[in-house]
Amino acid sequence: MTKRADKVAAVATGVGIGLMAFMVTWTVGARVTERMLERPTSAYVAMATAILLGLLVSGIAAWRLLRTVGNRIQEIDEVSAIAD
């Protein structure tokens, strides 16, 4: 049961990291694209960039955290096997 909970927590944390990347990219991107492009186009470009970067960061963070959880669970299993 602990394995599944750890995996869910790892994915949820990865999604949270992706959402933070989305918000920062959207805020900064909106300011930058406002200066370079006209009004509606700048908002679309900023939003598209933020969505893509948020998804990318979320996927990478979740993948890295899941790898860490898998290694930790394997170590715990080895220690508990020695203790038995």
C-alpha atoms as a PDB file:
ATOM      1  CA  MET A   1       0.000   0.000   0.000  1.00  0.00           C
ATOM      2  CA  THR A   2       2.854   2.362   0.792  1.00  0.00           C
ATOM      3  CA  LYS A   3       4.329   1.906  -2.679  1.00  0.00           C
ATOM      4  CA  ARG A   4       1.194   3.173  -4.373  1.00  0.00           C
ATOM      5  CA  ALA A   5       0.837   6.132  -2.008  1.00  0.00           C
ATOM      6  CA  ASP A   6       4.459   7.125  -2.605  1.00  0.00           C
ATOM      7  CA  LYS A   7       3.951   6.966  -6.366  1.00  0.00           C
ATOM      8  CA  VAL A   8       0.788   9.078  -6.186  1.00  0.00           C
ATOM      9  CA  ALA A   9       2.587  11.624  -4.015  1.00  0.00           C
ATOM     10  CA  ALA A  10       5.499  11.745  -6.476  1.00  0.00           C
ATOM     11  CA  VAL A  11       3.190  12.403  -9.430  1.00  0.00           C
ATOM     12  CA  ALA A  12       1.194  15.011  -7.499  1.00  0.00           C
ATOM     13  CA  THR A  13       4.393  16.802  -6.530  1.00  0.00           C
ATOM     14  CA  GLY A  14       5.537  16.728 -10.163  1.00  0.00           C
ATOM     15  CA  VAL A  15       2.242  18.270 -11.250  1.00  0.00           C
ATOM     16  CA  GLY A  16       2.623  20.979  -8.601  1.00  0.00           C
ATOM     17  CA  ILE A  17       6.109  21.812  -9.840  1.00  0.00           C
ATOM     18  CA  GLY A  18       4.742  21.991 -13.385  1.00  0.00           C
ATOM     19  CA  LEU A  19       1.984  24.364 -12.283  1.00  0.00           C
ATOM     20  CA  MET A  20       4.538  26.664 -10.668  1.00  0.00           C
ATOM     21  CA  ALA A  21       6.565  26.647 -13.887  1.00  0.00           C
ATOM     22  CA  PHE A  22       3.369  27.426 -15.816  1.00  0.00           C
ATOM     23  CA  MET A  23       2.525  30.426 -13.610  1.00  0.00           C
ATOM     24  CA  VAL A  24       6.019  31.907 -13.749  1.00  0.00           C
ATOM     25  CA  THR A  25       6.293  31.387 -17.503  1.00  0.00           C
ATOM     26  CA  TRP A  26       2.872  32.896 -18.102  1.00  0.00           C
ATOM     27  CA  THR A  27       3.599  35.964 -15.969  1.00  0.00           C
ATOM     28  CA  VAL A  28       7.031  36.650 -17.436  1.00  0.00           C
ATOM     29  CA  GLY A  29       6.031  35.613 -20.949  1.00  0.00           C
ATOM     30  CA  ALA A  30       3.044  37.949 -20.972  1.00  0.00           C
ATOM     31  CA  ARG A  31       5.273  40.899 -20.083  1.00  0.00           C
ATOM     32  CA  VAL A  32       7.894  40.018 -22.674  1.00  0.00           C
ATOM     33  CA  THR A  33       5.533  39.230 -25.550  1.00  0.00           C
ATOM     34  CA  GLU A  34       3.482  42.366 -24.833  1.00  0.00           C
ATOM     35  CA  ARG A  35       6.504  44.418 -25.816  1.00  0.00           C
ATOM     36  CA  MET A  36       7.178  42.486 -29.037  1.00  0.00           C
ATOM     37  CA  LEU A  37       3.741  41.562 -30.407  1.00  0.00           C
ATOM     38  CA  GLU A  38       0.298  43.122 -30.676  1.00  0.00           C
ATOM     39  CA  ARG A  39      -2.345  42.638 -27.963  1.00  0.00           C
ATOM     40  CA  PRO A  40      -4.235  39.421 -28.713  1.00  0.00           C
ATOM     41  CA  THR A  41      -1.294  37.653 -30.313  1.00  0.00           C
ATOM     42  CA  SER A  42       0.981  38.292 -27.342  1.00  0.00           C
ATOM     43  CA  ALA A  43      -1.499  36.658 -24.955  1.00  0.00           C
ATOM     44  CA  TYR A  44      -1.842  33.579 -27.156  1.00  0.00           C
ATOM     45  CA  VAL A  45       1.909  33.174 -27.506  1.00  0.00           C
ATOM     46  CA  ALA A  46       2.468  33.616 -23.764  1.00  0.00           C
ATOM     47  CA  MET A  47      -0.258  31.108 -22.889  1.00  0.00           C
ATOM     48  CA  ALA A  48       0.904  28.514 -25.424  1.00  0.00           C
ATOM     49  CA  THR A  49       4.491  28.816 -24.210  1.00  0.00           C
ATOM     50  CA  ALA A  50       3.397  28.538 -20.573  1.00  0.00           C
ATOM     51  CA  ILE A  51       1.266  25.455 -21.246  1.00  0.00           C
ATOM     52  CA  LEU A  52       4.033  23.682 -23.150  1.00  0.00           C
ATOM     53  CA  LEU A  53       6.688  24.497 -20.563  1.00  0.00           C
ATOM     54  CA  GLY A  54       4.366  23.566 -17.680  1.00  0.00           C
ATOM     55  CA  LEU A  55       3.613  20.170 -19.219  1.00  0.00           C
ATOM     56  CA  LEU A  56       7.275  19.529 -19.955  1.00  0.00           C
ATOM     57  CA  VAL A  57       8.439  20.468 -16.456  1.00  0.00           C
ATOM     58  CA  SER A  58       5.599  18.499 -14.879  1.00  0.00           C
ATOM     59  CA  GLY A  59       6.456  15.361 -16.834  1.00  0.00           C
ATOM     60  CA  ILE A  60      10.170  15.570 -16.121  1.00  0.00           C
ATOM     61  CA  ALA A  61       9.657  16.296 -12.408  1.00  0.00           C
ATOM     62  CA  ALA A  62       7.164  13.446 -11.987  1.00  0.00           C
ATOM     63  CA  TRP A  63       9.445  11.040 -13.862  1.00  0.00           C
ATOM     64  CA  ARG A  64      12.470  11.946 -11.737  1.00  0.00           C
ATOM     65  CA  LEU A  65      10.485  11.670  -8.497  1.00  0.00           C
ATOM     66  CA  LEU A  66       9.048   8.295  -9.520  1.00  0.00           C
ATOM     67  CA  ARG A  67      12.579   6.998 -10.157  1.00  0.00           C
ATOM     68  CA  THR A  68      13.602   8.162  -6.697  1.00  0.00           C
ATOM     69  CA  VAL A  69      10.566   6.498  -5.094  1.00  0.00           C
ATOM     70  CA  GLY A  70      11.319   3.222  -6.881  1.00  0.00           C
ATOM     71  CA  ASN A  71      14.896   3.194  -5.600  1.00  0.00           C
ATOM     72  CA  ARG A  72      13.793   4.058  -2.063  1.00  0.00           C
ATOM     73  CA  ILE A  73      11.174   1.313  -1.999  1.00  0.00           C
ATOM     74  CA  GLN A  74      13.741  -1.205  -3.213  1.00  0.00           C
ATOM     75  CA  GLU A  75      16.137  -0.171  -0.415  1.00  0.00           C
ATOM     76  CA  ILE A  76      13.376  -0.492   2.201  1.00  0.00           C
ATOM     77  CA  ASP A  77      12.494  -3.976   0.917  1.00  0.00           C
ATOM     78  CA  GLU A  78      16.148  -5.043   1.147  1.00  0.00           C
ATOM     79  CA  VAL A  79      16.480  -3.740   4.698  1.00  0.00           C
ATOM     80  CA  SER A  80      13.249  -5.423   5.817  1.00  0.00           C
ATOM     81  CA  ALA A  81      14.381  -8.729   4.237  1.00  0.00           C
ATOM     82  CA  ILE A  82      17.632  -8.561   6.218  1.00  0.00           C
ATOM     83  CA  ALA A  83      15.722  -7.785   9.436  1.00  0.00           C
ATOM     84  CA  ASP A  84      13.456 -10.814   8.969  1.00  0.00           C
END
